[in-house]
Amino acid sequence: MTIGRLFFKYRSYTPLPLLVVALVLAKPSLASVLLGLAVALVGESLGLWGVLYAGSATRTTGRVGADRLVTDGPYAHVRNPLYIGNFFLSLGVLIMSWAWMPWLLLVLLAFFAVQYGTIVHEEERFLAERFGSTYAEYCRRVPRLRGFSNTEPSHPVLRKALRSERNSLRALLIVTLLILARWLLL
């Protein structure tokens, strides 16, 4: 198993050590909680928008795969909206906790670069093999933050996206409450 596949399989759990450190070392203030929550909500919103178009298949952990190439919604502007959303969600939690700043932020940046760099490499290899020239054209048109005209639009269903994101939303609520409790007890 490659490191990318390993990170892909356990990507829901790999942030937990960083989260524990952030909670244990938390030194929140009202400003850090409000700013961090705003950043986390931006991340969660971007993730929800991505799941709205890509569907709950984005929550699989077994192996990299895709039934179709999603190129509309946020995917028309950026190739990995879910991972960008995860970054802002994690950044928001760190800002809320204000733990060991700016060092924990540097750890987050390094962690995301390694983990998601290897995952994206695995996913792009799979998508190139599966969708060939269609994926190559998509990559050419959407290198970072550009629009792309989709030929096969998705049919987003908010209810399904919210159901798929419920664990993430629940986790954000719990972490926010823990950081608020820590702030109130300081």
C-alpha atoms as a PDB file:
ATOM      1  CA  MET A   1       0.000   0.000   0.000  1.00  0.00           C
ATOM      2  CA  THR A   2       1.377   3.410  -0.948  1.00  0.00           C
ATOM      3  CA  ILE A   3       1.564   6.274   1.535  1.00  0.00           C
ATOM      4  CA  GLY A   4      -1.109   8.106  -0.486  1.00  0.00           C
ATOM      5  CA  ARG A   5      -3.513   5.173  -0.208  1.00  0.00           C
ATOM      6  CA  LEU A   6      -2.747   4.849   3.495  1.00  0.00           C
ATOM      7  CA  PHE A   7      -3.456   8.547   4.084  1.00  0.00           C
ATOM      8  CA  PHE A   8      -6.600   8.271   1.922  1.00  0.00           C
ATOM      9  CA  LYS A   9      -7.905   5.337   3.944  1.00  0.00           C
ATOM     10  CA  TYR A  10      -7.321   6.995   7.330  1.00  0.00           C
ATOM     11  CA  ARG A  11      -7.812  10.666   6.370  1.00  0.00           C
ATOM     12  CA  SER A  12     -10.772  11.003   8.762  1.00  0.00           C
ATOM     13  CA  TYR A  13      -8.559  10.054  11.722  1.00  0.00           C
ATOM     14  CA  THR A  14      -5.171  11.585  10.946  1.00  0.00           C
ATOM     15  CA  PRO A  15      -6.143  15.087  12.196  1.00  0.00           C
ATOM     16  CA  LEU A  16      -7.067  13.733  15.647  1.00  0.00           C
ATOM     17  CA  PRO A  17      -3.594  14.085  17.249  1.00  0.00           C
ATOM     18  CA  LEU A  18      -3.439  17.722  16.130  1.00  0.00           C
ATOM     19  CA  LEU A  19      -6.944  18.278  17.469  1.00  0.00           C
ATOM     20  CA  VAL A  20      -6.033  16.775  20.849  1.00  0.00           C
ATOM     21  CA  VAL A  21      -2.940  18.993  21.080  1.00  0.00           C
ATOM     22  CA  ALA A  22      -5.045  22.048  20.166  1.00  0.00           C
ATOM     23  CA  LEU A  23      -7.594  21.226  22.854  1.00  0.00           C
ATOM     24  CA  VAL A  24      -5.023  20.445  25.562  1.00  0.00           C
ATOM     25  CA  LEU A  25      -2.945  23.562  24.872  1.00  0.00           C
ATOM     26  CA  ALA A  26      -5.923  25.822  24.141  1.00  0.00           C
ATOM     27  CA  LYS A  27      -5.680  29.447  25.235  1.00  0.00           C
ATOM     28  CA  PRO A  28      -8.791  30.822  23.563  1.00  0.00           C
ATOM     29  CA  SER A  29     -10.138  34.326  23.755  1.00  0.00           C
ATOM     30  CA  LEU A  30     -13.458  35.676  22.575  1.00  0.00           C
ATOM     31  CA  ALA A  31     -11.724  37.094  19.495  1.00  0.00           C
ATOM     32  CA  SER A  32      -9.958  33.819  18.650  1.00  0.00           C
ATOM     33  CA  VAL A  33     -13.176  31.820  19.086  1.00  0.00           C
ATOM     34  CA  LEU A  34     -15.205  34.169  16.873  1.00  0.00           C
ATOM     35  CA  LEU A  35     -12.536  34.463  14.160  1.00  0.00           C
ATOM     36  CA  GLY A  36     -11.753  30.752  14.232  1.00  0.00           C
ATOM     37  CA  LEU A  37     -15.402  29.787  14.078  1.00  0.00           C
ATOM     38  CA  ALA A  38     -15.884  32.053  11.049  1.00  0.00           C
ATOM     39  CA  VAL A  39     -12.886  30.443   9.290  1.00  0.00           C
ATOM     40  CA  ALA A  40     -14.093  26.933  10.224  1.00  0.00           C
ATOM     41  CA  LEU A  41     -17.570  27.689   8.889  1.00  0.00           C
ATOM     42  CA  VAL A  42     -16.074  28.882   5.593  1.00  0.00           C
ATOM     43  CA  GLY A  43     -14.228  25.562   5.394  1.00  0.00           C
ATOM     44  CA  GLU A  44     -17.314  23.543   6.268  1.00  0.00           C
ATOM     45  CA  SER A  45     -19.371  25.507   3.730  1.00  0.00           C
ATOM     46  CA  LEU A  46     -16.846  24.797   0.986  1.00  0.00           C
ATOM     47  CA  GLY A  47     -16.843  21.120   1.962  1.00  0.00           C
ATOM     48  CA  LEU A  48     -20.633  20.997   1.940  1.00  0.00           C
ATOM     49  CA  TRP A  49     -20.693  22.691  -1.472  1.00  0.00           C
ATOM     50  CA  GLY A  50     -18.262  20.075  -2.783  1.00  0.00           C
ATOM     51  CA  VAL A  51     -20.286  17.166  -1.383  1.00  0.00           C
ATOM     52  CA  LEU A  52     -23.431  18.748  -2.804  1.00  0.00           C
ATOM     53  CA  TYR A  53     -21.984  18.199  -6.306  1.00  0.00           C
ATOM     54  CA  ALA A  54     -19.789  15.125  -5.831  1.00  0.00           C
ATOM     55  CA  GLY A  55     -22.128  13.219  -3.522  1.00  0.00           C
ATOM     56  CA  SER A  56     -21.464  11.004  -0.560  1.00  0.00           C
ATOM     57  CA  ALA A  57     -18.952   8.926  -2.527  1.00  0.00           C
ATOM     58  CA  THR A  58     -16.446  11.522  -1.294  1.00  0.00           C
ATOM     59  CA  ARG A  59     -16.739   9.967   2.165  1.00  0.00           C
ATOM     60  CA  THR A  60     -15.461   6.543   1.143  1.00  0.00           C
ATOM     61  CA  THR A  61     -12.252   5.415   2.792  1.00  0.00           C
ATOM     62  CA  GLY A  62     -11.597   2.038   1.217  1.00  0.00           C
ATOM     63  CA  ARG A  63      -9.886   3.047  -1.988  1.00  0.00           C
ATOM     64  CA  VAL A  64      -9.635   5.937  -4.407  1.00  0.00           C
ATOM     65  CA  GLY A  65     -12.436   5.815  -6.947  1.00  0.00           C
ATOM     66  CA  ALA A  66     -15.071   7.741  -8.864  1.00  0.00           C
ATOM     67  CA  ASP A  67     -18.095   6.806 -10.935  1.00  0.00           C
ATOM     68  CA  ARG A  68     -18.045  10.095 -12.812  1.00  0.00           C
ATOM     69  CA  LEU A  69     -15.845  13.134 -13.251  1.00  0.00           C
ATOM     70  CA  VAL A  70     -17.394  16.068 -11.386  1.00  0.00           C
ATOM     71  CA  THR A  71     -16.570  19.372 -13.075  1.00  0.00           C
ATOM     72  CA  ASP A  72     -19.337  21.700 -11.987  1.00  0.00           C
ATOM     73  CA  GLY A  73     -20.168  23.540  -8.780  1.00  0.00           C
ATOM     74  CA  PRO A  74     -16.952  24.235  -6.859  1.00  0.00           C
ATOM     75  CA  TYR A  75     -15.089  21.751  -9.095  1.00  0.00           C
ATOM     76  CA  ALA A  76     -15.488  24.231 -11.948  1.00  0.00           C
ATOM     77  CA  HIS A  77     -13.204  26.593 -10.024  1.00  0.00           C
ATOM     78  CA  VAL A  78     -10.801  24.381  -8.104  1.00  0.00           C
ATOM     79  CA  ARG A  79      -9.895  20.691  -8.383  1.00  0.00           C
ATOM     80  CA  ASN A  80      -9.971  19.846  -4.682  1.00  0.00           C
ATOM     81  CA  PRO A  81     -12.645  21.909  -2.907  1.00  0.00           C
ATOM     82  CA  LEU A  82     -13.129  19.304  -0.173  1.00  0.00           C
ATOM     83  CA  TYR A  83      -9.467  19.394   0.827  1.00  0.00           C
ATOM     84  CA  ILE A  84      -9.377  23.174   0.736  1.00  0.00           C
ATOM     85  CA  GLY A  85     -12.504  23.120   2.904  1.00  0.00           C
ATOM     86  CA  ASN A  86     -10.817  20.672   5.308  1.00  0.00           C
ATOM     87  CA  PHE A  87      -7.809  22.972   5.538  1.00  0.00           C
ATOM     88  CA  PHE A  88      -9.941  25.994   6.468  1.00  0.00           C
ATOM     89  CA  LEU A  89     -11.959  23.884   8.899  1.00  0.00           C
ATOM     90  CA  SER A  90      -8.757  22.754  10.640  1.00  0.00           C
ATOM     91  CA  LEU A  91      -7.287  26.242  10.512  1.00  0.00           C
ATOM     92  CA  GLY A  92     -10.454  27.591  12.112  1.00  0.00           C
ATOM     93  CA  VAL A  93     -10.197  25.094  14.966  1.00  0.00           C
ATOM     94  CA  LEU A  94      -6.572  26.071  15.570  1.00  0.00           C
ATOM     95  CA  ILE A  95      -7.477  29.751  15.568  1.00  0.00           C
ATOM     96  CA  MET A  96     -10.352  29.082  17.983  1.00  0.00           C
ATOM     97  CA  SER A  97      -8.042  27.239  20.371  1.00  0.00           C
ATOM     98  CA  TRP A  98      -5.142  29.676  19.894  1.00  0.00           C
ATOM     99  CA  ALA A  99      -2.864  26.848  20.997  1.00  0.00           C
ATOM    100  CA  TRP A 100       0.886  27.184  20.633  1.00  0.00           C
ATOM    101  CA  MET A 101       0.584  29.817  17.908  1.00  0.00           C
ATOM    102  CA  PRO A 102       2.142  30.153  15.362  1.00  0.00           C
ATOM    103  CA  TRP A 103       3.960  26.817  15.762  1.00  0.00           C
ATOM    104  CA  LEU A 104       0.872  24.629  15.597  1.00  0.00           C
ATOM    105  CA  LEU A 105      -0.117  26.490  12.436  1.00  0.00           C
ATOM    106  CA  LEU A 106       3.216  25.481  10.883  1.00  0.00           C
ATOM    107  CA  VAL A 107       2.566  21.878  11.917  1.00  0.00           C
ATOM    108  CA  LEU A 108      -0.873  22.079  10.255  1.00  0.00           C
ATOM    109  CA  LEU A 109       0.643  23.436   7.031  1.00  0.00           C
ATOM    110  CA  ALA A 110       3.283  20.687   6.935  1.00  0.00           C
ATOM    111  CA  PHE A 111       0.719  18.014   7.783  1.00  0.00           C
ATOM    112  CA  PHE A 112      -1.662  19.134   5.034  1.00  0.00           C
ATOM    113  CA  ALA A 113       1.127  19.433   2.486  1.00  0.00           C
ATOM    114  CA  VAL A 114       2.281  15.875   3.107  1.00  0.00           C
ATOM    115  CA  GLN A 115      -1.068  14.166   3.630  1.00  0.00           C
ATOM    116  CA  TYR A 116      -3.132  15.843   0.973  1.00  0.00           C
ATOM    117  CA  GLY A 117      -0.233  16.095  -1.455  1.00  0.00           C
ATOM    118  CA  THR A 118       0.041  12.308  -1.473  1.00  0.00           C
ATOM    119  CA  ILE A 119      -3.733  11.800  -1.559  1.00  0.00           C
ATOM    120  CA  VAL A 120      -4.178  14.209  -4.478  1.00  0.00           C
ATOM    121  CA  HIS A 121      -1.378  12.415  -6.346  1.00  0.00           C
ATOM    122  CA  GLU A 122      -3.225   9.079  -5.901  1.00  0.00           C
ATOM    123  CA  GLU A 123      -6.565  10.566  -6.922  1.00  0.00           C
ATOM    124  CA  GLU A 124      -5.163  12.332  -9.979  1.00  0.00           C
ATOM    125  CA  ARG A 125      -3.461   9.146 -11.131  1.00  0.00           C
ATOM    126  CA  PHE A 126      -6.761   7.265 -10.795  1.00  0.00           C
ATOM    127  CA  LEU A 127      -8.778   9.989 -12.562  1.00  0.00           C
ATOM    128  CA  ALA A 128      -6.264  10.202 -15.423  1.00  0.00           C
ATOM    129  CA  GLU A 129      -6.474   6.437 -15.948  1.00  0.00           C
ATOM    130  CA  ARG A 130     -10.264   6.322 -15.632  1.00  0.00           C
ATOM    131  CA  PHE A 131     -11.267   9.438 -17.591  1.00  0.00           C
ATOM    132  CA  GLY A 132      -8.274   9.917 -19.901  1.00  0.00           C
ATOM    133  CA  SER A 133      -8.462  12.925 -22.196  1.00  0.00           C
ATOM    134  CA  THR A 134     -11.585  14.304 -20.491  1.00  0.00           C
ATOM    135  CA  TYR A 135      -9.671  14.569 -17.221  1.00  0.00           C
ATOM    136  CA  ALA A 136      -6.601  15.983 -18.986  1.00  0.00           C
ATOM    137  CA  GLU A 137      -8.776  18.728 -20.509  1.00  0.00           C
ATOM    138  CA  TYR A 138     -10.327  19.425 -17.121  1.00  0.00           C
ATOM    139  CA  CYS A 139      -6.841  19.761 -15.573  1.00  0.00           C
ATOM    140  CA  ARG A 140      -5.766  22.059 -18.377  1.00  0.00           C
ATOM    141  CA  ARG A 141      -8.822  24.276 -17.871  1.00  0.00           C
ATOM    142  CA  VAL A 142      -8.890  24.216 -14.045  1.00  0.00           C
ATOM    143  CA  PRO A 143      -5.271  24.394 -12.891  1.00  0.00           C
ATOM    144  CA  ARG A 144      -6.087  26.302  -9.722  1.00  0.00           C
ATOM    145  CA  LEU A 145      -8.984  28.766  -9.509  1.00  0.00           C
ATOM    146  CA  ARG A 146     -10.506  29.127 -12.967  1.00  0.00           C
ATOM    147  CA  GLY A 147     -13.938  28.393 -14.308  1.00  0.00           C
ATOM    148  CA  PHE A 148     -14.703  25.383 -16.479  1.00  0.00           C
ATOM    149  CA  SER A 149     -17.782  24.750 -18.575  1.00  0.00           C
ATOM    150  CA  ASN A 150     -19.143  21.358 -17.648  1.00  0.00           C
ATOM    151  CA  THR A 151     -20.616  19.082 -20.264  1.00  0.00           C
ATOM    152  CA  GLU A 152     -22.318  16.738 -17.783  1.00  0.00           C
ATOM    153  CA  PRO A 153     -23.922  18.763 -14.967  1.00  0.00           C
ATOM    154  CA  SER A 154     -24.517  17.303 -11.530  1.00  0.00           C
ATOM    155  CA  HIS A 155     -27.875  17.274  -9.813  1.00  0.00           C
ATOM    156  CA  PRO A 156     -27.110  18.510  -6.299  1.00  0.00           C
ATOM    157  CA  VAL A 157     -29.451  17.532  -3.470  1.00  0.00           C
ATOM    158  CA  LEU A 158     -28.879  19.559  -0.297  1.00  0.00           C
ATOM    159  CA  ARG A 159     -30.505  16.981   1.955  1.00  0.00           C
ATOM    160  CA  LYS A 160     -28.104  14.252   0.801  1.00  0.00           C
ATOM    161  CA  ALA A 161     -25.113  16.566   1.168  1.00  0.00           C
ATOM    162  CA  LEU A 162     -26.119  17.533   4.706  1.00  0.00           C
ATOM    163  CA  ARG A 163     -26.587  13.865   5.600  1.00  0.00           C
ATOM    164  CA  SER A 164     -23.120  13.102   4.247  1.00  0.00           C
ATOM    165  CA  GLU A 165     -21.610  16.028   6.181  1.00  0.00           C
ATOM    166  CA  ARG A 166     -23.406  15.333   9.469  1.00  0.00           C
ATOM    167  CA  ASN A 167     -20.338  13.827  11.166  1.00  0.00           C
ATOM    168  CA  SER A 168     -18.194  16.780  10.169  1.00  0.00           C
ATOM    169  CA  LEU A 169     -20.814  19.249  11.367  1.00  0.00           C
ATOM    170  CA  ARG A 170     -21.246  17.333  14.620  1.00  0.00           C
ATOM    171  CA  ALA A 171     -17.482  17.255  15.183  1.00  0.00           C
ATOM    172  CA  LEU A 172     -17.218  21.007  14.555  1.00  0.00           C
ATOM    173  CA  LEU A 173     -19.989  21.653  17.083  1.00  0.00           C
ATOM    174  CA  ILE A 174     -18.355  19.444  19.730  1.00  0.00           C
ATOM    175  CA  VAL A 175     -14.900  20.957  19.232  1.00  0.00           C
ATOM    176  CA  THR A 176     -16.343  24.472  19.347  1.00  0.00           C
ATOM    177  CA  LEU A 177     -18.176  23.679  22.581  1.00  0.00           C
ATOM    178  CA  LEU A 178     -15.010  22.177  24.102  1.00  0.00           C
ATOM    179  CA  ILE A 179     -12.986  25.260  23.203  1.00  0.00           C
ATOM    180  CA  LEU A 180     -15.716  27.539  24.568  1.00  0.00           C
ATOM    181  CA  ALA A 181     -15.750  25.521  27.800  1.00  0.00           C
ATOM    182  CA  ARG A 182     -11.977  25.830  28.004  1.00  0.00           C
ATOM    183  CA  TRP A 183     -12.241  29.595  27.459  1.00  0.00           C
ATOM    184  CA  LEU A 184     -14.888  29.939  30.147  1.00  0.00           C
ATOM    185  CA  LEU A 185     -12.810  27.898  32.612  1.00  0.00           C
ATOM    186  CA  LEU A 186      -9.577  29.861  32.060  1.00  0.00           C
END
